[in-house]
Every structure is written in C-alpha cells, then in structure tokens.
N, C-alpha and C. Protein backbone atom coordinates (compact mmCIF):
# COMPACT_ATOMS: atom_id res chain seq x y z
N MET A 1 -5.39 8.77 -17.34
CA MET A 1 -5.65 7.76 -17.50
C MET A 1 -5.63 6.89 -16.12
N ALA A 2 -6.25 5.96 -15.69
CA ALA A 2 -6.30 5.39 -14.61
C ALA A 2 -5.16 3.93 -14.56
N ASP A 3 -4.43 4.11 -13.56
CA ASP A 3 -3.62 2.96 -13.15
C ASP A 3 -4.64 1.74 -12.84
N LEU A 4 -5.51 1.78 -12.47
CA LEU A 4 -6.33 0.36 -11.92
C LEU A 4 -7.63 1.20 -11.92
N LEU A 5 -8.42 -0.04 -12.08
CA LEU A 5 -10.10 0.48 -11.76
C LEU A 5 -10.47 -0.28 -10.10
N LEU A 6 -11.26 0.79 -9.93
CA LEU A 6 -11.66 0.46 -8.17
C LEU A 6 -12.39 -0.81 -8.08
N ASP A 7 -13.09 -1.34 -8.88
CA ASP A 7 -13.90 -2.71 -8.77
C ASP A 7 -12.64 -3.87 -8.84
N GLN A 8 -11.30 -3.52 -9.49
CA GLN A 8 -10.38 -4.81 -9.40
C GLN A 8 -9.81 -4.70 -7.88
N LEU A 9 -9.94 -3.82 -7.25
CA LEU A 9 -9.47 -4.13 -5.93
C LEU A 9 -10.31 -4.44 -4.88
N VAL A 10 -9.47 -5.53 -4.43
CA VAL A 10 -10.43 -6.70 -3.00
C VAL A 10 -10.31 -5.85 -1.97
N HIS A 11 -11.39 -5.37 -1.00
CA HIS A 11 -11.05 -5.07 0.30
C HIS A 11 -9.98 -6.07 0.86
N GLY A 12 -8.87 -5.33 1.06
CA GLY A 12 -7.66 -6.11 2.26
C GLY A 12 -6.85 -7.10 1.26
N LYS A 13 -6.81 -6.81 -0.23
CA LYS A 13 -6.03 -7.67 -0.87
C LYS A 13 -4.97 -6.81 -1.66
N PRO A 14 -3.84 -6.72 -1.17
CA PRO A 14 -2.84 -5.69 -1.57
C PRO A 14 -2.61 -6.07 -3.14
N VAL A 15 -2.17 -4.72 -4.04
CA VAL A 15 -1.81 -4.90 -5.43
C VAL A 15 -0.31 -4.53 -5.46
N LYS A 16 0.30 -5.07 -6.48
CA LYS A 16 1.68 -4.29 -6.62
C LYS A 16 1.51 -3.15 -7.99
N LEU A 17 1.81 -2.33 -7.91
CA LEU A 17 1.69 -1.54 -9.07
C LEU A 17 3.04 -0.69 -9.62
N GLU A 18 3.65 -0.62 -10.57
CA GLU A 18 4.66 -0.18 -10.96
C GLU A 18 4.36 1.14 -12.10
N LYS A 19 5.03 2.10 -11.02
CA LYS A 19 4.72 3.30 -12.06
C LYS A 19 5.96 4.22 -11.72
N SER A 20 6.02 4.83 -12.80
CA SER A 20 7.29 6.37 -12.99
C SER A 20 8.80 5.61 -12.43
N GLY A 21 8.60 4.33 -12.38
CA GLY A 21 9.99 3.82 -11.84
C GLY A 21 9.98 3.13 -10.38
N LYS A 22 8.85 3.48 -9.72
CA LYS A 22 8.42 3.10 -8.33
C LYS A 22 7.87 1.93 -8.42
N THR A 23 7.84 0.93 -7.44
CA THR A 23 6.98 -0.26 -7.04
C THR A 23 6.37 0.33 -6.03
N ILE A 24 4.91 0.19 -6.16
CA ILE A 24 3.55 0.71 -5.07
C ILE A 24 2.98 -0.20 -4.75
N CYS A 25 2.59 -0.38 -3.62
CA CYS A 25 1.36 -1.09 -3.11
C CYS A 25 0.05 -0.49 -2.83
N VAL A 26 -1.00 -0.97 -3.40
CA VAL A 26 -2.15 -0.23 -3.43
C VAL A 26 -3.02 -0.94 -2.73
N THR A 27 -3.90 -1.01 -1.93
CA THR A 27 -4.65 -1.38 -1.47
C THR A 27 -5.92 -0.73 -0.81
N ARG A 28 -7.09 -1.45 -0.73
CA ARG A 28 -8.16 -0.85 -0.67
C ARG A 28 -9.06 -1.32 0.98
N VAL A 29 -9.48 -0.26 1.50
CA VAL A 29 -9.89 -0.49 2.91
C VAL A 29 -11.53 -0.02 2.97
N GLY A 30 -12.22 -0.60 2.82
CA GLY A 30 -13.91 0.05 2.65
C GLY A 30 -13.91 0.81 1.26
N ASP A 31 -14.34 2.09 1.16
CA ASP A 31 -14.46 2.88 0.00
C ASP A 31 -13.44 3.65 -0.06
N GLN A 32 -12.20 3.45 0.46
CA GLN A 32 -10.89 4.10 0.71
C GLN A 32 -9.83 3.50 -0.25
N VAL A 33 -8.79 3.89 -0.74
CA VAL A 33 -7.89 3.23 -1.63
C VAL A 33 -6.27 3.74 -0.81
N PHE A 34 -5.50 3.25 -0.76
CA PHE A 34 -4.20 3.82 -0.10
C PHE A 34 -3.17 3.25 -1.07
N ALA A 35 -2.11 4.20 -1.19
CA ALA A 35 -1.01 3.57 -1.98
C ALA A 35 0.52 3.80 -1.04
N ILE A 36 1.16 3.00 -0.67
CA ILE A 36 2.50 3.33 -0.21
C ILE A 36 3.70 2.60 -0.91
N ASP A 37 4.96 2.81 -0.47
CA ASP A 37 6.01 2.33 -1.27
C ASP A 37 5.83 0.64 -0.80
N ASP A 38 6.23 -0.36 -1.74
CA ASP A 38 5.98 -1.80 -2.21
C ASP A 38 6.99 -2.43 -1.21
N THR A 39 8.39 -1.32 -1.15
CA THR A 39 9.36 -2.46 0.02
C THR A 39 9.28 -1.65 1.35
N CYS A 40 9.09 -2.77 2.43
CA CYS A 40 9.26 -2.85 3.89
C CYS A 40 10.84 -1.74 3.91
N SER A 41 10.35 -0.74 5.10
CA SER A 41 11.93 -0.35 5.50
C SER A 41 12.98 -0.84 6.08
N HIS A 42 12.54 -2.29 6.89
CA HIS A 42 13.19 -2.77 7.46
C HIS A 42 13.99 -4.18 6.40
N SER A 43 13.25 -4.40 5.73
CA SER A 43 14.43 -5.56 4.59
C SER A 43 13.70 -5.29 3.15
N GLU A 44 13.91 -6.02 2.38
CA GLU A 44 13.80 -5.84 0.61
C GLU A 44 12.45 -6.82 0.62
N ALA A 45 11.60 -6.96 1.54
CA ALA A 45 10.21 -7.61 1.26
C ALA A 45 9.24 -6.87 0.69
N SER A 46 8.14 -7.53 -0.10
CA SER A 46 7.38 -6.77 -0.74
C SER A 46 6.09 -6.58 0.13
N LEU A 47 5.65 -5.26 0.45
CA LEU A 47 4.60 -5.22 1.10
C LEU A 47 2.91 -5.76 0.66
N SER A 48 3.33 -5.71 -0.76
CA SER A 48 1.91 -6.27 -1.45
C SER A 48 1.73 -7.53 -1.33
N GLU A 49 2.88 -8.51 -0.54
CA GLU A 49 2.27 -9.80 -0.23
C GLU A 49 1.91 -10.26 1.20
N GLY A 50 1.71 -8.71 1.55
CA GLY A 50 1.36 -8.79 3.33
C GLY A 50 -0.01 -8.83 3.55
N ASP A 51 -0.44 -8.78 4.56
CA ASP A 51 -1.72 -9.04 5.17
C ASP A 51 -2.42 -7.53 5.60
N VAL A 52 -3.56 -7.28 5.50
CA VAL A 52 -4.36 -5.98 5.65
C VAL A 52 -5.09 -6.22 6.51
N THR A 53 -5.09 -5.28 7.97
CA THR A 53 -5.92 -5.51 8.83
C THR A 53 -6.42 -4.06 9.43
N ASP A 54 -7.44 -3.40 9.08
CA ASP A 54 -8.18 -2.28 9.36
C ASP A 54 -7.06 -1.09 8.44
N TYR A 55 -6.27 -0.47 9.24
CA TYR A 55 -5.54 0.58 8.23
C TYR A 55 -4.28 0.18 8.53
N LYS A 56 -3.89 -1.32 8.51
CA LYS A 56 -2.40 -1.50 8.76
C LYS A 56 -2.09 -2.65 7.61
N ILE A 57 -0.82 -2.56 7.39
CA ILE A 57 -0.51 -3.68 6.58
C ILE A 57 0.85 -4.24 7.33
N GLU A 58 0.95 -5.70 7.00
CA GLU A 58 1.96 -6.43 8.08
C GLU A 58 2.88 -7.30 6.88
N CYS A 59 4.40 -6.85 7.19
CA CYS A 59 4.87 -7.12 6.09
C CYS A 59 5.14 -9.17 6.21
N TRP A 60 5.16 -9.77 5.15
CA TRP A 60 4.76 -10.94 5.46
C TRP A 60 6.00 -11.77 5.97
N LEU A 61 7.45 -10.98 5.68
CA LEU A 61 8.70 -11.52 6.15
C LEU A 61 9.27 -11.78 7.70
N HIS A 62 9.08 -10.60 8.29
CA HIS A 62 9.48 -10.50 9.75
C HIS A 62 7.94 -9.53 10.40
N GLY A 63 7.08 -9.48 9.83
CA GLY A 63 5.87 -9.10 10.77
C GLY A 63 5.46 -7.58 11.12
N ALA A 64 6.67 -6.83 10.80
CA ALA A 64 6.69 -5.40 10.92
C ALA A 64 5.06 -4.82 10.29
N GLU A 65 4.64 -4.02 11.11
CA GLU A 65 3.36 -3.32 10.39
C GLU A 65 3.40 -1.63 10.33
N PHE A 66 2.88 -1.55 8.88
CA PHE A 66 2.64 -0.03 8.65
C PHE A 66 1.48 0.54 8.46
N ASP A 67 1.05 1.69 9.32
CA ASP A 67 -0.05 2.60 8.80
C ASP A 67 -0.17 2.96 7.31
N LEU A 68 -1.18 2.52 6.86
CA LEU A 68 -2.05 2.71 5.41
C LEU A 68 -1.77 4.22 5.25
N ARG A 69 -2.30 5.16 6.03
CA ARG A 69 -2.48 6.42 6.10
C ARG A 69 -1.45 6.96 6.10
N THR A 70 -0.40 6.86 6.82
CA THR A 70 0.48 7.53 7.04
C THR A 70 2.14 7.05 6.66
N GLY A 71 2.10 5.57 6.36
CA GLY A 71 3.21 4.96 6.32
C GLY A 71 3.97 4.81 7.23
N GLN A 72 3.62 5.24 8.66
CA GLN A 72 4.65 5.21 9.90
C GLN A 72 4.46 3.58 10.10
N ALA A 73 5.88 3.39 10.92
CA ALA A 73 6.01 2.04 11.30
C ALA A 73 5.71 1.81 12.52
N LEU A 74 4.66 0.91 12.69
CA LEU A 74 3.86 0.89 13.92
C LEU A 74 4.59 -0.23 14.90
N THR A 75 5.25 -1.16 14.31
CA THR A 75 5.84 -2.57 14.96
C THR A 75 7.27 -2.61 14.53
N LEU A 76 8.27 -3.09 15.75
CA LEU A 76 9.26 -3.81 15.15
C LEU A 76 9.33 -4.95 14.53
N PRO A 77 10.25 -5.26 13.75
CA PRO A 77 11.74 -4.65 13.45
C PRO A 77 11.60 -3.20 12.50
N ALA A 78 10.70 -2.90 11.91
CA ALA A 78 10.82 -1.94 11.30
C ALA A 78 10.59 -0.51 12.05
N ASN A 79 11.56 0.44 11.97
CA ASN A 79 11.42 1.53 12.74
C ASN A 79 11.17 2.97 11.63
N ILE A 80 11.49 2.55 10.57
CA ILE A 80 11.48 3.89 9.40
C ILE A 80 10.29 3.64 8.46
N ALA A 81 9.57 4.65 8.43
CA ALA A 81 8.47 5.09 7.70
C ALA A 81 8.47 4.52 6.36
N VAL A 82 7.72 4.06 5.57
CA VAL A 82 7.58 4.00 3.99
C VAL A 82 6.79 5.57 3.59
N ALA A 83 7.20 5.80 1.82
CA ALA A 83 6.28 6.74 1.58
C ALA A 83 4.96 6.75 1.21
N THR A 84 4.14 7.43 1.35
CA THR A 84 2.96 7.13 0.79
C THR A 84 2.64 8.09 -0.23
N TYR A 85 1.31 7.69 -0.96
CA TYR A 85 1.17 8.48 -2.10
C TYR A 85 -0.58 9.05 -2.28
N GLU A 86 -0.38 9.77 -2.98
CA GLU A 86 -1.88 10.41 -3.10
C GLU A 86 -2.60 9.68 -3.93
N VAL A 87 -4.08 9.22 -3.57
CA VAL A 87 -4.78 8.56 -4.55
C VAL A 87 -6.15 9.35 -4.84
N LYS A 88 -6.09 9.41 -6.21
CA LYS A 88 -7.35 10.03 -6.61
C LYS A 88 -8.28 8.99 -7.19
N ILE A 89 -9.76 8.87 -6.64
CA ILE A 89 -10.84 8.01 -7.28
C ILE A 89 -11.65 9.38 -8.15
N ASP A 90 -12.14 8.60 -9.25
CA ASP A 90 -13.18 9.28 -10.24
C ASP A 90 -13.85 8.19 -10.62
N ALA A 91 -15.01 7.95 -10.12
CA ALA A 91 -15.74 6.64 -10.82
C ALA A 91 -15.20 5.66 -10.35
N ASN A 92 -14.85 5.14 -11.63
CA ASN A 92 -14.33 3.69 -11.30
C ASN A 92 -12.86 3.66 -11.17
N SER A 93 -12.20 4.77 -11.67
CA SER A 93 -10.87 4.94 -12.09
C SER A 93 -9.97 5.31 -10.66
N VAL A 94 -8.99 4.75 -10.45
CA VAL A 94 -8.12 4.76 -9.40
C VAL A 94 -6.61 5.32 -10.16
N THR A 95 -6.23 6.73 -9.74
CA THR A 95 -5.19 6.92 -10.15
C THR A 95 -4.06 7.38 -8.69
N VAL A 96 -2.95 6.59 -8.76
CA VAL A 96 -1.77 7.31 -7.64
C VAL A 96 -0.81 8.25 -8.30
N GLU A 97 -0.98 9.42 -7.84
CA GLU A 97 -0.19 10.91 -7.74
C GLU A 97 1.44 10.31 -7.34
N ILE A 98 2.44 10.22 -8.22
CA ILE A 98 3.82 10.27 -7.68
C ILE A 98 4.26 11.49 -7.89
C-alpha cells in the first residue's frame, strides 16, 4: 500500500507523514523523492515546514540545513545528521521504507 501518490508531491514542497510511530518529512526534487526524519536535530522544529533548495532542506526555526540524500547537517546550528529512509516509487505510488 502506498504512503503517498507521486502526483500529490509538488517539487520543493515538503509533506509530513506519520508512519510506524515516526514523523517523516517527504519531499520531491524533480523525479526523485526523499524521506528524512521530520524533527530537526538541533531543536524540536518540524523540517516539513522548511524550505527546499536543490537537495537541501532548511529548518524554518534556526536556519540549519540538511542534505536530503544523506541526512547530513550542512550548516550550524545543527551538527548532527537526521535519519533518512528508503523511498520506493512504483508508477504513481510512493512508499517510505522504515
């Protein structure tokens, strides 16, 4: 069963997804879809409320940036990576693997 439909994901507009007790930020960049933990490692801010530029997402609260592909913290004040999750796309179905 799909978690989301691909055509529901707008390029650069993150979506919050609840799955298996986790809150996940899912976003589309071109034809690719990425899933990372939704909570910023610096604060309790929701990354799905942040801005996406290229393969980076910026936390709306303090401006920390994370690489959507690896979860690595790219800018301070965050210095701890967030978890990433495998995404499977089958036609219009998007499934996040936990």
